[in-house]
C-alpha cells in the first residue's frame, strides 16, 4: 500500500525518523513540484467523468500545451 501525506515541515523530520525505524516501512521524500503534479493529476482524474458526460468545460489542447 502507498500513502501520500502532507506534513508540516517542522514535524516531518521526527515522523520520518520514526517511520524509517520500522523495518517494514519504506519512505521517500518528494519535492513540492512533484507534489503539485500529483495533486493536478488527481484533480484531472476526478474531473474526467464530468468531462466525458460534457457537464464541465473541457480544456483545449492549445490551453494545455501553451
PDB file of N, CA and C in Angstrom:
ATOM      1  N   UNK A   1       0.847  -1.163   0.000  1.00  0.00           N
ATOM      2  CA  UNK A   1       0.000   0.000   0.000  1.00  0.00           C
ATOM      3  C   UNK A   1       0.897   1.232   0.000  1.00  0.00           C
ATOM      4  N   UNK A   2       0.481   2.258  -0.749  1.00  0.00           N
ATOM      5  CA  UNK A   2       1.214   3.512  -0.780  1.00  0.00           C
ATOM      6  C   UNK A   2       0.344   4.591  -0.164  1.00  0.00           C
ATOM      7  N   UNK A   3       0.973   5.453   0.626  1.00  0.00           N
ATOM      8  CA  UNK A   3       0.274   6.532   1.304  1.00  0.00           C
ATOM      9  C   UNK A   3       1.025   7.826   1.045  1.00  0.00           C
ATOM     10  N   UNK A   4       0.313   8.861   0.669  1.00  0.00           N
ATOM     11  CA  UNK A   4       0.897  10.177   0.462  1.00  0.00           C
ATOM     12  C   UNK A   4       0.317  11.095   1.526  1.00  0.00           C
ATOM     13  N   UNK A   5       1.181  11.721   2.320  1.00  0.00           N
ATOM     14  CA  UNK A   5       0.722  12.570   3.418  1.00  0.00           C
ATOM     15  C   UNK A   5       1.355  13.943   3.320  1.00  0.00           C
ATOM     16  N   UNK A   6       0.602  14.960   3.715  1.00  0.00           N
ATOM     17  CA  UNK A   6       1.142  16.310   3.817  1.00  0.00           C
ATOM     18  C   UNK A   6       1.436  16.563   5.291  1.00  0.00           C
ATOM     19  N   UNK A   7       2.680  16.903   5.571  1.00  0.00           N
ATOM     20  CA  UNK A   7       3.126  17.101   6.947  1.00  0.00           C
ATOM     21  C   UNK A   7       3.836  18.443   7.026  1.00  0.00           C
ATOM     22  N   UNK A   8       3.584  19.178   8.096  1.00  0.00           N
ATOM     23  CA  UNK A   8       4.274  20.449   8.287  1.00  0.00           C
ATOM     24  C   UNK A   8       5.774  20.201   8.350  1.00  0.00           C
ATOM     25  N   UNK A   9       6.534  21.129   7.787  1.00  0.00           N
ATOM     26  CA  UNK A   9       7.988  20.966   7.719  1.00  0.00           C
ATOM     27  C   UNK A   9       8.627  20.765   9.084  1.00  0.00           C
ATOM     28  N   UNK A  10       8.129  21.457  10.096  1.00  0.00           N
ATOM     29  CA  UNK A  10       8.753  21.354  11.408  1.00  0.00           C
ATOM     30  C   UNK A  10       8.460  20.022  12.100  1.00  0.00           C
ATOM     31  N   UNK A  11       7.501  19.257  11.610  1.00  0.00           N
ATOM     32  CA  UNK A  11       7.161  17.950  12.196  1.00  0.00           C
ATOM     33  C   UNK A  11       7.638  16.778  11.340  1.00  0.00           C
ATOM     34  N   UNK A  12       8.015  17.046  10.109  1.00  0.00           N
ATOM     35  CA  UNK A  12       8.351  15.981   9.164  1.00  0.00           C
ATOM     36  C   UNK A  12       9.579  15.178   9.579  1.00  0.00           C
ATOM     37  N   UNK A  13      10.600  15.842  10.076  1.00  0.00           N
ATOM     38  CA  UNK A  13      11.837  15.140  10.421  1.00  0.00           C
ATOM     39  C   UNK A  13      11.596  14.082  11.490  1.00  0.00           C
ATOM     40  N   UNK A  14      10.828  14.426  12.513  1.00  0.00           N
ATOM     41  CA  UNK A  14      10.566  13.465  13.587  1.00  0.00           C
ATOM     42  C   UNK A  14       9.740  12.285  13.083  1.00  0.00           C
ATOM     43  N   UNK A  15       8.750  12.569  12.260  1.00  0.00           N
ATOM     44  CA  UNK A  15       7.910  11.487  11.730  1.00  0.00           C
ATOM     45  C   UNK A  15       8.709  10.585  10.802  1.00  0.00           C
ATOM     46  N   UNK A  16       9.518  11.168   9.927  1.00  0.00           N
ATOM     47  CA  UNK A  16      10.333  10.352   9.026  1.00  0.00           C
ATOM     48  C   UNK A  16      11.329   9.493   9.799  1.00  0.00           C
ATOM     49  N   UNK A  17      11.892  10.028  10.859  1.00  0.00           N
ATOM     50  CA  UNK A  17      12.826   9.252  11.681  1.00  0.00           C
ATOM     51  C   UNK A  17      12.117   8.045  12.293  1.00  0.00           C
ATOM     52  N   UNK A  18      10.900   8.262  12.782  1.00  0.00           N
ATOM     53  CA  UNK A  18      10.138   7.159  13.379  1.00  0.00           C
ATOM     54  C   UNK A  18       9.769   6.115  12.328  1.00  0.00           C
ATOM     55  N   UNK A  19       9.348   6.562  11.159  1.00  0.00           N
ATOM     56  CA  UNK A  19       8.952   5.620  10.103  1.00  0.00           C
ATOM     57  C   UNK A  19      10.151   4.838   9.570  1.00  0.00           C
ATOM     58  N   UNK A  20      11.297   5.493   9.440  1.00  0.00           N
ATOM     59  CA  UNK A  20      12.494   4.804   8.955  1.00  0.00           C
ATOM     60  C   UNK A  20      12.976   3.750   9.945  1.00  0.00           C
ATOM     61  N   UNK A  21      12.601   3.891  11.201  1.00  0.00           N
ATOM     62  CA  UNK A  21      12.977   2.908  12.212  1.00  0.00           C
ATOM     63  C   UNK A  21      12.192   1.613  12.108  1.00  0.00           C
ATOM     64  N   UNK A  22      11.103   1.625  11.372  1.00  0.00           N
ATOM     65  CA  UNK A  22      10.294   0.418  11.194  1.00  0.00           C
ATOM     66  C   UNK A  22      10.831  -0.377  10.007  1.00  0.00           C
ATOM     67  N   UNK A  23      11.138  -1.644  10.186  1.00  0.00           N
ATOM     68  CA  UNK A  23      11.755  -2.422   9.105  1.00  0.00           C
ATOM     69  C   UNK A  23      10.823  -2.687   7.915  1.00  0.00           C
ATOM     70  N   UNK A  24       9.537  -2.591   8.099  1.00  0.00           N
ATOM     71  CA  UNK A  24       8.585  -2.895   7.036  1.00  0.00           C
ATOM     72  C   UNK A  24       8.055  -1.651   6.329  1.00  0.00           C
ATOM     73  N   UNK A  25       8.625  -0.480   6.632  1.00  0.00           N
ATOM     74  CA  UNK A  25       8.170   0.768   6.015  1.00  0.00           C
ATOM     75  C   UNK A  25       9.294   1.354   5.187  1.00  0.00           C
ATOM     76  N   UNK A  26       8.995   1.695   3.933  1.00  0.00           N
ATOM     77  CA  UNK A  26       9.945   2.392   3.072  1.00  0.00           C
ATOM     78  C   UNK A  26       9.461   3.830   2.945  1.00  0.00           C
ATOM     79  N   UNK A  27      10.372   4.774   3.078  1.00  0.00           N
ATOM     80  CA  UNK A  27       9.998   6.180   2.962  1.00  0.00           C
ATOM     81  C   UNK A  27      10.725   6.810   1.790  1.00  0.00           C
ATOM     82  N   UNK A  28      10.069   7.806   1.216  1.00  0.00           N
ATOM     83  CA  UNK A  28      10.669   8.541   0.108  1.00  0.00           C
ATOM     84  C   UNK A  28      10.092   9.948   0.146  1.00  0.00           C
ATOM     85  N   UNK A  29      10.956  10.941   0.243  1.00  0.00           N
ATOM     86  CA  UNK A  29      10.513  12.334   0.261  1.00  0.00           C
ATOM     87  C   UNK A  29      10.334  12.808  -1.181  1.00  0.00           C
ATOM     88  N   UNK A  30       9.313  13.619  -1.403  1.00  0.00           N
ATOM     89  CA  UNK A  30       9.117  14.206  -2.722  1.00  0.00           C
ATOM     90  C   UNK A  30       9.134  15.724  -2.575  1.00  0.00           C
ATOM     91  N   UNK A  31       9.484  16.405  -3.628  1.00  0.00           N
ATOM     92  CA  UNK A  31       9.577  17.858  -3.596  1.00  0.00           C
ATOM     93  C   UNK A  31       8.232  18.485  -3.944  1.00  0.00           C
ATOM     94  N   UNK A  32       8.123  19.784  -3.700  1.00  0.00           N
ATOM     95  CA  UNK A  32       6.871  20.498  -3.922  1.00  0.00           C
ATOM     96  C   UNK A  32       6.378  20.394  -5.367  1.00  0.00           C
ATOM     97  N   UNK A  33       7.303  20.405  -6.328  1.00  0.00           N
ATOM     98  CA  UNK A  33       6.900  20.329  -7.735  1.00  0.00           C
ATOM     99  C   UNK A  33       6.214  18.996  -8.028  1.00  0.00           C
ATOM    100  N   UNK A  34       6.793  17.936  -7.509  1.00  0.00           N
ATOM    101  CA  UNK A  34       6.220  16.617  -7.743  1.00  0.00           C
ATOM    102  C   UNK A  34       4.890  16.476  -7.014  1.00  0.00           C
ATOM    103  N   UNK A  35       4.787  17.041  -5.817  1.00  0.00           N
ATOM    104  CA  UNK A  35       3.532  17.010  -5.064  1.00  0.00           C
ATOM    105  C   UNK A  35       2.443  17.768  -5.817  1.00  0.00           C
ATOM    106  N   UNK A  36       2.806  18.904  -6.425  1.00  0.00           N
ATOM    107  CA  UNK A  36       1.836  19.678  -7.203  1.00  0.00           C
ATOM    108  C   UNK A  36       1.380  18.892  -8.427  1.00  0.00           C
ATOM    109  N   UNK A  37       2.295  18.180  -9.052  1.00  0.00           N
ATOM    110  CA  UNK A  37       1.944  17.354 -10.207  1.00  0.00           C
ATOM    111  C   UNK A  37       0.981  16.239  -9.807  1.00  0.00           C
ATOM    112  N   UNK A  38       1.250  15.589  -8.695  1.00  0.00           N
ATOM    113  CA  UNK A  38       0.373  14.518  -8.210  1.00  0.00           C
ATOM    114  C   UNK A  38      -1.018  15.066  -7.916  1.00  0.00           C
ATOM    115  N   UNK A  39      -1.085  16.234  -7.289  1.00  0.00           N
ATOM    116  CA  UNK A  39      -2.373  16.854  -6.975  1.00  0.00           C
ATOM    117  C   UNK A  39      -3.129  17.200  -8.253  1.00  0.00           C
ATOM    118  N   UNK A  40      -2.419  17.719  -9.250  1.00  0.00           N
ATOM    119  CA  UNK A  40      -3.034  18.062 -10.526  1.00  0.00           C
ATOM    120  C   UNK A  40      -3.589  16.826 -11.225  1.00  0.00           C
ATOM    121  N   UNK A  41      -2.849  15.751 -11.195  1.00  0.00           N
ATOM    122  CA  UNK A  41      -3.304  14.506 -11.830  1.00  0.00           C
ATOM    123  C   UNK A  41      -4.534  13.961 -11.117  1.00  0.00           C
ATOM    124  N   UNK A  42      -4.541  14.009  -9.783  1.00  0.00           N
ATOM    125  CA  UNK A  42      -5.709  13.540  -9.030  1.00  0.00           C
ATOM    126  C   UNK A  42      -6.945  14.356  -9.375  1.00  0.00           C
ATOM    127  N   UNK A  43      -6.777  15.667  -9.492  1.00  0.00           N
ATOM    128  CA  UNK A  43      -7.901  16.533  -9.858  1.00  0.00           C
ATOM    129  C   UNK A  43      -8.409  16.182 -11.242  1.00  0.00           C
ATOM    130  N   UNK A  44      -7.511  15.962 -12.176  1.00  0.00           N
ATOM    131  CA  UNK A  44      -7.907  15.619 -13.536  1.00  0.00           C
ATOM    132  C   UNK A  44      -8.673  14.299 -13.578  1.00  0.00           C
ATOM    133  N   UNK A  45      -8.231  13.338 -12.791  1.00  0.00           N
ATOM    134  CA  UNK A  45      -8.912  12.040 -12.750  1.00  0.00           C
ATOM    135  C   UNK A  45     -10.321  12.185 -12.172  1.00  0.00           C
ATOM    136  N   UNK A  46     -10.470  13.032 -11.158  1.00  0.00           N
ATOM    137  CA  UNK A  46     -11.790  13.258 -10.570  1.00  0.00           C
ATOM    138  C   UNK A  46     -12.726  13.961 -11.548  1.00  0.00           C
ATOM    139  N   UNK A  47     -12.180  14.860 -12.385  1.00  0.00           N
ATOM    140  CA  UNK A  47     -12.995  15.619 -13.334  1.00  0.00           C
ATOM    141  C   UNK A  47     -13.308  14.837 -14.601  1.00  0.00           C
ATOM    142  N   UNK A  48     -12.600  13.784 -14.869  1.00  0.00           N
ATOM    143  CA  UNK A  48     -12.763  13.036 -16.110  1.00  0.00           C
ATOM    144  C   UNK A  48     -14.195  12.561 -16.362  1.00  0.00           C
ATOM    145  N   UNK A  49     -14.876  11.947 -15.399  1.00  0.00           N
ATOM    146  CA  UNK A  49     -16.252  11.514 -15.672  1.00  0.00           C
ATOM    147  C   UNK A  49     -17.183  12.678 -16.036  1.00  0.00           C
ATOM    148  N   UNK A  50     -16.975  13.842 -15.406  1.00  0.00           N
ATOM    149  CA  UNK A  50     -17.795  15.002 -15.741  1.00  0.00           C
ATOM    150  C   UNK A  50     -17.493  15.503 -17.148  1.00  0.00           C
ATOM    151  N   UNK A  51     -16.214  15.476 -17.520  1.00  0.00           N
ATOM    152  CA  UNK A  51     -15.848  15.893 -18.873  1.00  0.00           C
ATOM    153  C   UNK A  51     -16.427  14.943 -19.911  1.00  0.00           C
ATOM    154  N   UNK A  52     -16.383  13.666 -19.631  1.00  0.00           N
ATOM    155  CA  UNK A  52     -16.922  12.688 -20.580  1.00  0.00           C
ATOM    156  C   UNK A  52     -18.431  12.830 -20.718  1.00  0.00           C
ATOM    157  N   UNK A  53     -19.088  13.228 -19.638  1.00  0.00           N
ATOM    158  CA  UNK A  53     -20.537  13.444 -19.685  1.00  0.00           C
ATOM    159  C   UNK A  53     -20.865  14.856 -20.171  1.00  0.00           C
ATOM    160  N   UNK A  54     -19.832  15.628 -20.509  1.00  0.00           N
ATOM    161  CA  UNK A  54     -19.958  17.007 -21.006  1.00  0.00           C
ATOM    162  C   UNK A  54     -20.671  17.920 -20.017  1.00  0.00           C
ATOM    163  N   UNK A  55     -20.432  17.712 -18.721  1.00  0.00           N
ATOM    164  CA  UNK A  55     -21.029  18.560 -17.691  1.00  0.00           C
ATOM    165  C   UNK A  55     -20.093  19.694 -17.282  1.00  0.00           C
ATOM    166  N   UNK A  56     -18.839  19.626 -17.695  1.00  0.00           N
ATOM    167  CA  UNK A  56     -17.898  20.703 -17.418  1.00  0.00           C
ATOM    168  C   UNK A  56     -17.207  21.095 -18.709  1.00  0.00           C
ATOM    169  N   UNK A  57     -16.622  22.283 -18.706  1.00  0.00           N
ATOM    170  CA  UNK A  57     -15.921  22.759 -19.889  1.00  0.00           C
ATOM    171  C   UNK A  57     -14.578  22.047 -20.002  1.00  0.00           C
ATOM    172  N   UNK A  58     -14.290  21.539 -21.166  1.00  0.00           N
ATOM    173  CA  UNK A  58     -13.019  20.856 -21.394  1.00  0.00           C
ATOM    174  C   UNK A  58     -11.942  21.880 -21.716  1.00  0.00           C
ATOM    175  N   UNK A  59     -10.704  21.525 -21.391  1.00  0.00           N
ATOM    176  CA  UNK A  59      -9.571  22.375 -21.739  1.00  0.00           C
ATOM    177  C   UNK A  59      -9.130  22.031 -23.156  1.00  0.00           C
ATOM    178  N   UNK A  60      -8.864  23.064 -23.935  1.00  0.00           N
ATOM    179  CA  UNK A  60      -8.399  22.808 -25.293  1.00  0.00           C
ATOM    180  C   UNK A  60      -6.934  22.435 -25.287  1.00  0.00           C
ATOM    181  N   UNK A  61      -6.506  21.811 -26.359  1.00  0.00           N
ATOM    182  CA  UNK A  61      -5.122  21.390 -26.481  1.00  0.00           C
ATOM    183  C   UNK A  61      -4.188  22.611 -26.421  1.00  0.00           C
ATOM    184  N   UNK A  62      -4.586  23.714 -27.072  1.00  0.00           N
ATOM    185  CA  UNK A  62      -3.749  24.917 -27.067  1.00  0.00           C
ATOM    186  C   UNK A  62      -3.595  25.472 -25.648  1.00  0.00           C
ATOM    187  N   UNK A  63      -4.650  25.418 -24.855  1.00  0.00           N
ATOM    188  CA  UNK A  63      -4.594  25.933 -23.487  1.00  0.00           C
ATOM    189  C   UNK A  63      -3.701  25.048 -22.612  1.00  0.00           C
ATOM    190  N   UNK A  64      -3.745  23.753 -22.823  1.00  0.00           N
ATOM    191  CA  UNK A  64      -2.952  22.822 -22.010  1.00  0.00           C
ATOM    192  C   UNK A  64      -1.465  22.934 -22.372  1.00  0.00           C
ATOM    193  N   UNK A  65      -1.164  22.914 -23.661  1.00  0.00           N
ATOM    194  CA  UNK A  65       0.239  22.916 -24.121  1.00  0.00           C
ATOM    195  C   UNK A  65       0.860  24.292 -23.977  1.00  0.00           C
ATOM    196  N   UNK A  66       0.107  25.320 -24.190  1.00  0.00           N
ATOM    197  CA  UNK A  66       0.657  26.661 -24.006  1.00  0.00           C
ATOM    198  C   UNK A  66       0.531  27.427 -25.224  1.00  0.00           C
TER     199      UNK A  66
END
